[in-house]
Amino acid sequence: MSHVWLPCGLYHQEYTQDHGWWQTPLIKGKMIFLLAIIFIVFPLTLTGYWFGVANMVGYTALGALGVQILIGYAGLITLGHAAFIAVGAYTSTLLILQFPWPNFFINWGLAYPISIIIAGIIAGLWSVLFGLPSAKVKGFYLILTTMAAQFITVDFILTQYISQIGGRGQAFSLPPGTIKIGPWIIDSEIKTYFLMAILLTLCVVIVANLLRSKVGRAWIAIRDNDIAAETLGINIIWYKLLNFFVAGFIAGLAGAFWVSNTAALSPEHFPWFWSLWLVGVILIGGVGSIHGVIFGSIFMVLAMELIQLAVISLGDVFPELMMKFLYIKESVFGLIICAFLIFQPRGISYRWWQIKNYFNLWPFSY
């Protein structure tokens, strides 16, 4: 006889049960409730400003998800992920503005959704190109390789050459009505929010299922001990490059989404600090956890928004704070990273795991 409620944890008799997507009806209900909040409650309750904050959270989470795949699940440290986001953004923009689409593609709103997929593929392949050294080097040397990707891609190729296409100078303007999916013109914060929510949900579902597969187990084995993984027959070069491709693909999707959230695209949107910021997000949220990507993104975006509101409120009394906001932001970011590494090194997701276990094992939570 099966039981809906099981005492002191969950008990499975088959491997498929242990790796099931929905462990219990309670978990299924919680996920449906969460999706209802994201797609129904938030759109009905948030205002224009908070839609902008939510879109920034989603953009950060999409970018950090790729970093989590590299660092958290394969142990491949990166400090140049903003480059791949930039590749996705510029690929999508050039396909929309410069590619000679047939008229029915434009009229049916197919140009932008197709450009999203192509942007992901191009960014993934570009990521693989800079992931090739991972076959021979790791650690500090791999960090330098990914940093090179940032400076070569953004500061040289995009700034000096790609940005000059069409004689627009340094920025590509995106006129209203340019971003269109079918009959749905994305021209407001709430529409951008729905696009973000759909993209982020799909990416999280795909990555979560990928991590439960042979590929995900190979990545984790390489992260834990690449020599032992190779001894067991895992082709570590293939799986490392696949890891770079998947991370770059999601970065490309993040860049293509950012196109819908800005009126003009410039290389200034993808500085090296943004790569460092995404690494900080997963350190705060929790390395090796999809929950950590979401928690870290929410925490960092809200923290910076609160600091900005505090600086604005004190601007009349201390006007120099407004001019030094960027330095204040970077200083607070560093302090937050130090605080988490000292007091909560496993991130917010670990605390969330402890809270869940407390209730799942109650009354035997000791």
Protein backbone atom coordinates (compact mmCIF):
# COMPACT_ATOMS: atom_id res chain seq x y z
CA MET A 1 0.00 0.00 0.00
CA SER A 2 1.44 3.36 -1.03
CA HIS A 3 1.43 6.25 1.39
CA VAL A 4 1.20 9.91 0.48
CA TRP A 5 2.78 10.95 3.75
CA LEU A 6 5.93 9.11 4.76
CA PRO A 7 7.42 9.44 8.26
CA CYS A 8 10.89 10.91 8.74
CA GLY A 9 11.82 11.47 5.12
CA LEU A 10 11.21 9.72 1.82
CA TYR A 11 11.67 6.05 1.06
CA HIS A 12 12.03 4.75 -2.49
CA GLN A 13 12.25 1.18 -3.70
CA GLU A 14 13.24 1.86 -7.32
CA TYR A 15 15.94 3.94 -8.99
CA THR A 16 13.38 5.80 -11.13
CA GLN A 17 11.54 6.88 -7.97
CA ASP A 18 14.73 8.20 -6.43
CA HIS A 19 15.39 10.36 -9.50
CA GLY A 20 11.78 11.30 -10.20
CA TRP A 21 11.00 14.89 -11.15
CA TRP A 22 8.12 15.01 -8.66
CA GLN A 23 9.16 13.21 -5.46
CA THR A 24 5.81 13.66 -3.68
CA PRO A 25 2.43 15.27 -4.40
CA LEU A 26 3.42 18.01 -1.93
CA ILE A 27 6.46 18.95 -4.03
CA LYS A 28 4.34 18.93 -7.19
CA GLY A 29 1.84 21.21 -5.49
CA LYS A 30 4.59 23.58 -4.36
CA MET A 31 5.98 23.87 -7.88
CA ILE A 32 2.54 24.53 -9.37
CA PHE A 33 1.96 27.15 -6.67
CA LEU A 34 5.31 28.79 -7.47
CA LEU A 35 4.55 28.90 -11.21
CA ALA A 36 1.14 30.40 -10.44
CA ILE A 37 2.83 33.17 -8.43
CA ILE A 38 5.31 33.88 -11.24
CA PHE A 39 2.85 33.86 -14.16
CA ILE A 40 -0.38 35.04 -12.51
CA VAL A 41 0.11 36.79 -9.16
CA PHE A 42 3.18 38.90 -10.02
CA PRO A 43 1.78 40.24 -13.32
CA LEU A 44 -1.40 41.31 -11.51
CA THR A 45 0.32 42.93 -8.54
CA LEU A 46 3.67 44.38 -9.65
CA THR A 47 4.05 47.96 -10.87
CA GLY A 48 6.25 49.27 -13.69
CA TYR A 49 9.30 49.80 -11.47
CA TRP A 50 9.12 46.34 -9.94
CA PHE A 51 8.66 44.76 -13.36
CA GLY A 52 12.00 46.32 -14.24
CA VAL A 53 13.54 44.85 -11.09
CA ALA A 54 12.05 41.42 -11.86
CA ASN A 55 13.41 41.57 -15.42
CA MET A 56 16.86 42.36 -14.05
CA VAL A 57 16.59 39.40 -11.67
CA GLY A 58 15.68 37.14 -14.58
CA TYR A 59 18.49 38.46 -16.78
CA THR A 60 20.98 37.96 -13.94
CA ALA A 61 19.66 34.44 -13.31
CA LEU A 62 19.97 33.48 -16.99
CA GLY A 63 23.56 34.71 -17.06
CA ALA A 64 24.44 33.11 -13.73
CA LEU A 65 22.90 29.78 -14.79
CA GLY A 66 25.59 29.40 -17.45
CA VAL A 67 28.29 30.28 -14.91
CA GLN A 68 26.80 27.71 -12.52
CA ILE A 69 27.02 25.02 -15.21
CA LEU A 70 30.71 25.78 -15.72
CA ILE A 71 31.87 26.38 -12.16
CA GLY A 72 29.30 24.60 -10.04
CA TYR A 73 28.85 21.40 -12.02
CA ALA A 74 32.08 20.92 -13.99
CA GLY A 75 34.62 22.85 -11.92
CA LEU A 76 35.62 25.00 -14.91
CA ILE A 77 36.28 28.46 -13.49
CA THR A 78 35.30 31.34 -15.76
CA LEU A 79 35.72 35.10 -15.48
CA GLY A 80 34.63 36.04 -18.98
CA HIS A 81 31.03 34.91 -19.26
CA ALA A 82 29.77 38.38 -20.18
CA ALA A 83 31.52 37.91 -23.54
CA PHE A 84 29.19 35.06 -24.49
CA ILE A 85 26.14 37.04 -23.36
CA ALA A 86 27.36 39.87 -25.58
CA VAL A 87 27.75 37.48 -28.54
CA GLY A 88 24.15 36.35 -28.09
CA ALA A 89 22.88 39.92 -27.84
CA TYR A 90 24.72 41.12 -30.94
CA THR A 91 23.84 38.02 -32.95
CA SER A 92 20.14 38.51 -32.21
CA THR A 93 20.32 42.25 -32.96
CA LEU A 94 22.16 41.84 -36.26
CA LEU A 95 19.73 39.15 -37.40
CA ILE A 96 16.79 41.44 -36.61
CA LEU A 97 18.18 44.65 -38.08
CA GLN A 98 20.52 43.53 -40.86
CA PHE A 99 19.46 40.11 -42.14
CA PRO A 100 17.20 40.22 -45.26
CA TRP A 101 14.29 38.21 -43.90
CA PRO A 102 11.41 37.39 -46.28
CA ASN A 103 8.39 39.61 -45.72
CA PHE A 104 6.25 36.86 -44.23
CA PHE A 105 8.93 36.26 -41.57
CA ILE A 106 8.64 39.89 -40.55
CA ASN A 107 4.86 39.99 -40.74
CA TRP A 108 4.44 36.78 -38.74
CA GLY A 109 6.95 37.89 -36.11
CA LEU A 110 9.37 35.00 -36.66
CA ALA A 111 12.61 36.96 -36.96
CA TYR A 112 13.16 37.53 -33.23
CA PRO A 113 12.32 34.01 -31.95
CA ILE A 114 14.55 32.47 -34.63
CA SER A 115 17.31 34.92 -33.73
CA ILE A 116 17.10 33.77 -30.08
CA ILE A 117 17.91 30.16 -31.05
CA ILE A 118 20.67 31.17 -33.48
CA ALA A 119 22.13 33.54 -30.86
CA GLY A 120 22.32 30.65 -28.39
CA ILE A 121 24.05 28.40 -30.94
CA ILE A 122 26.58 31.05 -32.01
CA ALA A 123 27.37 31.97 -28.39
CA GLY A 124 27.72 28.27 -27.56
CA LEU A 125 30.19 27.69 -30.39
CA TRP A 126 32.12 30.83 -29.44
CA SER A 127 32.25 29.53 -25.87
CA VAL A 128 33.62 26.18 -27.10
CA LEU A 129 36.37 28.03 -28.97
CA PHE A 130 37.64 29.54 -25.74
CA GLY A 131 36.95 26.29 -23.90
CA LEU A 132 39.43 24.36 -26.05
CA PRO A 133 42.36 25.17 -23.71
CA SER A 134 40.45 23.40 -20.92
CA ALA A 135 41.60 20.15 -22.55
CA LYS A 136 45.15 20.94 -21.43
CA VAL A 137 44.92 23.52 -18.63
CA LYS A 138 42.74 24.19 -15.62
CA GLY A 139 42.57 26.39 -12.56
CA PHE A 140 44.43 29.69 -12.80
CA TYR A 141 45.37 29.18 -16.46
CA LEU A 142 41.75 28.54 -17.45
CA ILE A 143 40.74 31.74 -15.65
CA LEU A 144 43.17 33.68 -17.85
CA THR A 145 41.75 32.02 -20.96
CA THR A 146 38.19 33.03 -20.11
CA MET A 147 39.34 36.55 -19.26
CA ALA A 148 40.94 36.68 -22.69
CA ALA A 149 37.55 35.78 -24.15
CA GLN A 150 36.08 38.84 -22.45
CA PHE A 151 38.68 41.31 -23.72
CA ILE A 152 39.00 39.85 -27.23
CA THR A 153 35.25 39.59 -27.77
CA VAL A 154 33.87 42.76 -26.16
CA ASP A 155 36.74 45.25 -26.11
CA PHE A 156 38.18 44.35 -29.51
CA ILE A 157 35.79 42.56 -31.91
CA LEU A 158 32.45 44.02 -30.80
CA THR A 159 33.68 47.54 -30.00
CA GLN A 160 36.01 48.05 -32.94
CA TYR A 161 34.21 46.15 -35.71
CA ILE A 162 30.72 44.77 -35.04
CA SER A 163 29.41 47.99 -33.49
CA GLN A 164 30.39 49.89 -36.65
CA ILE A 165 28.10 47.86 -38.94
CA GLY A 166 25.46 50.03 -40.54
CA GLY A 167 27.20 53.28 -39.61
CA ARG A 168 25.45 53.53 -36.26
CA GLY A 169 28.55 54.37 -34.26
CA GLN A 170 28.87 52.49 -31.00
CA ALA A 171 25.20 51.55 -30.40
CA PHE A 172 22.49 49.68 -32.27
CA SER A 173 19.12 51.35 -31.80
CA LEU A 174 16.09 49.07 -31.55
CA PRO A 175 12.98 51.01 -32.65
CA PRO A 176 9.61 50.22 -31.02
CA GLY A 177 7.93 47.25 -32.66
CA THR A 178 11.25 45.67 -33.65
CA ILE A 179 11.05 42.92 -31.03
CA LYS A 180 8.10 40.78 -32.01
CA ILE A 181 7.07 37.16 -31.41
CA GLY A 182 4.20 36.27 -33.69
CA PRO A 183 1.53 38.96 -33.25
CA TRP A 184 2.95 39.78 -29.79
CA ILE A 185 4.97 43.00 -29.89
CA ILE A 186 7.24 43.24 -26.85
CA ASP A 187 7.04 46.95 -26.11
CA SER A 188 6.37 47.13 -22.37
CA GLU A 189 7.87 45.99 -19.08
CA ILE A 190 5.15 43.42 -18.43
CA LYS A 191 5.60 41.79 -21.84
CA THR A 192 9.33 41.66 -21.29
CA TYR A 193 8.63 40.08 -17.91
CA PHE A 194 6.59 37.27 -19.48
CA LEU A 195 9.36 36.61 -22.02
CA MET A 196 11.91 36.49 -19.20
CA ALA A 197 9.76 34.16 -17.08
CA ILE A 198 9.22 31.75 -19.98
CA LEU A 199 12.90 31.68 -20.99
CA LEU A 200 14.13 31.25 -17.41
CA THR A 201 11.60 28.50 -16.66
CA LEU A 202 12.54 26.57 -19.82
CA CYS A 203 16.28 26.91 -19.13
CA VAL A 204 15.92 25.78 -15.51
CA VAL A 205 13.83 22.74 -16.54
CA ILE A 206 16.30 21.80 -19.30
CA VAL A 207 19.36 22.17 -17.06
CA ALA A 208 17.73 20.32 -14.16
CA ASN A 209 16.90 17.36 -16.41
CA LEU A 210 20.32 17.50 -18.07
CA LEU A 211 22.01 17.24 -14.68
CA ARG A 212 20.02 14.08 -13.90
CA SER A 213 21.26 12.45 -17.10
CA LYS A 214 24.51 10.74 -18.07
CA VAL A 215 25.91 14.12 -19.15
CA GLY A 216 25.25 15.75 -15.78
CA ARG A 217 26.77 12.86 -13.86
CA ALA A 218 29.88 13.04 -16.07
CA TRP A 219 30.23 16.78 -15.39
CA ILE A 220 30.01 16.24 -11.65
CA ALA A 221 32.55 13.40 -11.82
CA ILE A 222 34.96 15.69 -13.70
CA ARG A 223 34.40 18.42 -11.14
CA ASP A 224 35.10 16.13 -8.20
CA ASN A 225 38.15 14.38 -9.68
CA ASP A 226 38.90 14.58 -13.39
CA ILE A 227 41.69 11.99 -13.23
CA ALA A 228 39.39 9.43 -11.59
CA ALA A 229 36.64 10.29 -14.09
CA GLU A 230 38.99 9.65 -17.02
CA THR A 231 40.09 6.38 -15.42
CA LEU A 232 36.44 5.30 -15.33
CA GLY A 233 36.16 5.86 -19.08
CA ILE A 234 34.66 9.35 -19.22
CA ASN A 235 35.87 11.37 -22.19
CA ILE A 236 36.69 14.47 -20.18
CA ILE A 237 37.63 16.62 -23.21
CA TRP A 238 34.28 15.96 -24.91
CA TYR A 239 32.27 16.61 -21.76
CA LYS A 240 34.20 19.77 -20.91
CA LEU A 241 33.58 21.21 -24.37
CA LEU A 242 29.92 20.18 -24.15
CA ASN A 243 29.77 21.99 -20.83
CA PHE A 244 31.16 25.12 -22.43
CA PHE A 245 28.63 24.86 -25.26
CA VAL A 246 25.62 24.50 -22.97
CA ALA A 247 26.84 27.37 -20.75
CA GLY A 248 27.46 29.53 -23.82
CA PHE A 249 24.09 28.61 -25.31
CA ILE A 250 22.25 29.80 -22.20
CA ALA A 251 24.43 32.94 -22.17
CA GLY A 252 23.35 33.56 -25.77
CA LEU A 253 19.70 33.26 -24.75
CA ALA A 254 20.34 35.76 -21.94
CA GLY A 255 21.89 38.19 -24.42
CA ALA A 256 19.00 37.77 -26.87
CA PHE A 257 16.57 38.46 -24.02
CA TRP A 258 18.49 41.60 -23.06
CA VAL A 259 17.81 42.94 -26.56
CA SER A 260 14.10 43.09 -25.67
CA ASN A 261 14.87 44.98 -22.46
CA THR A 262 16.86 47.86 -23.94
CA ALA A 263 16.26 50.55 -26.55
CA ALA A 264 19.90 50.58 -27.72
CA LEU A 265 22.63 47.95 -27.57
CA SER A 266 26.21 48.91 -26.76
CA PRO A 267 29.40 47.06 -25.71
CA GLU A 268 29.19 49.07 -22.49
CA HIS A 269 26.37 46.74 -21.41
CA PHE A 270 28.86 43.84 -21.09
CA PRO A 271 31.86 44.99 -19.05
CA TRP A 272 34.28 42.61 -17.37
CA PHE A 273 32.74 43.51 -14.01
CA TRP A 274 29.51 41.84 -15.19
CA SER A 275 31.43 38.55 -15.57
CA LEU A 276 32.77 38.96 -12.05
CA TRP A 277 29.30 39.88 -10.81
CA LEU A 278 27.79 36.62 -12.14
CA VAL A 279 30.45 34.60 -10.33
CA GLY A 280 29.58 36.50 -7.15
CA VAL A 281 25.91 35.67 -7.67
CA ILE A 282 26.52 31.92 -7.58
CA LEU A 283 28.92 32.25 -4.63
CA ILE A 284 26.20 34.01 -2.66
CA GLY A 285 23.39 31.76 -3.87
CA GLY A 286 25.36 28.53 -3.55
CA VAL A 287 27.84 26.81 -5.87
CA GLY A 288 26.46 23.66 -7.48
CA SER A 289 22.79 24.49 -6.97
CA ILE A 290 20.13 25.68 -9.39
CA HIS A 291 18.29 27.15 -6.41
CA GLY A 292 21.47 29.10 -5.71
CA VAL A 293 21.23 30.83 -9.09
CA ILE A 294 17.73 32.10 -8.31
CA PHE A 295 18.44 33.00 -4.69
CA GLY A 296 21.70 34.75 -5.54
CA SER A 297 20.11 36.76 -8.35
CA ILE A 298 17.22 37.91 -6.18
CA PHE A 299 19.51 38.80 -3.29
CA MET A 300 22.03 40.77 -5.33
CA VAL A 301 19.53 42.68 -7.47
CA LEU A 302 17.38 43.63 -4.48
CA ALA A 303 20.45 44.57 -2.43
CA MET A 304 21.69 46.91 -5.16
CA GLU A 305 18.22 48.41 -5.63
CA LEU A 306 17.95 49.12 -1.91
CA ILE A 307 21.38 50.75 -1.93
CA GLN A 308 20.37 52.88 -4.90
CA LEU A 309 17.17 53.98 -3.17
CA ALA A 310 19.17 54.83 -0.03
CA VAL A 311 21.66 56.88 -2.04
CA ILE A 312 18.85 58.73 -3.82
CA SER A 313 17.08 59.49 -0.54
CA LEU A 314 20.32 60.84 0.94
CA GLY A 315 21.25 62.69 -2.25
CA ASP A 316 19.87 66.02 -1.04
CA VAL A 317 21.93 65.89 2.14
CA PHE A 318 25.04 64.25 0.65
CA PRO A 319 25.06 65.05 -3.10
CA GLU A 320 28.52 63.51 -3.52
CA LEU A 321 26.97 60.08 -2.94
CA MET A 322 25.16 60.29 -6.29
CA MET A 323 28.43 60.83 -8.12
CA LYS A 324 30.12 57.98 -6.29
CA PHE A 325 27.29 55.44 -6.57
CA LEU A 326 29.29 53.13 -8.86
CA TYR A 327 32.14 52.94 -6.33
CA ILE A 328 29.65 52.37 -3.51
CA LYS A 329 28.01 49.57 -5.49
CA GLU A 330 31.32 47.81 -6.16
CA SER A 331 32.42 48.22 -2.54
CA VAL A 332 29.17 46.75 -1.22
CA PHE A 333 29.48 43.87 -3.67
CA GLY A 334 32.94 43.05 -2.32
CA LEU A 335 31.78 43.30 1.28
CA ILE A 336 28.81 41.01 0.62
CA ILE A 337 31.08 38.40 -1.00
CA CYS A 338 33.45 38.52 1.99
CA ALA A 339 30.58 38.25 4.46
CA PHE A 340 29.10 35.20 2.74
CA LEU A 341 32.47 33.47 2.42
CA ILE A 342 33.03 33.94 6.16
CA PHE A 343 29.57 33.35 7.64
CA GLN A 344 27.70 31.36 4.96
CA PRO A 345 30.29 29.79 2.63
CA ARG A 346 27.80 27.32 1.13
CA GLY A 347 25.42 30.07 0.11
CA ILE A 348 21.74 30.78 0.58
CA SER A 349 20.70 27.52 -1.09
CA TYR A 350 22.35 25.50 1.69
CA ARG A 351 20.34 27.38 4.30
CA TRP A 352 17.21 26.71 2.22
CA TRP A 353 18.13 23.00 2.11
CA GLN A 354 18.46 22.96 5.90
CA ILE A 355 15.04 24.60 6.35
CA LYS A 356 13.40 22.12 3.97
CA ASN A 357 14.99 19.16 5.73
CA TYR A 358 13.83 20.45 9.09
CA PHE A 359 10.20 20.36 7.98
CA ASN A 360 10.53 17.18 5.90
CA LEU A 361 11.99 15.27 8.86
CA TRP A 362 9.81 16.80 11.57
CA PRO A 363 9.29 15.75 14.36
CA PHE A 364 12.61 13.89 14.08
CA SER A 365 14.50 16.86 12.60
CA TYR A 366 17.41 16.46 15.00
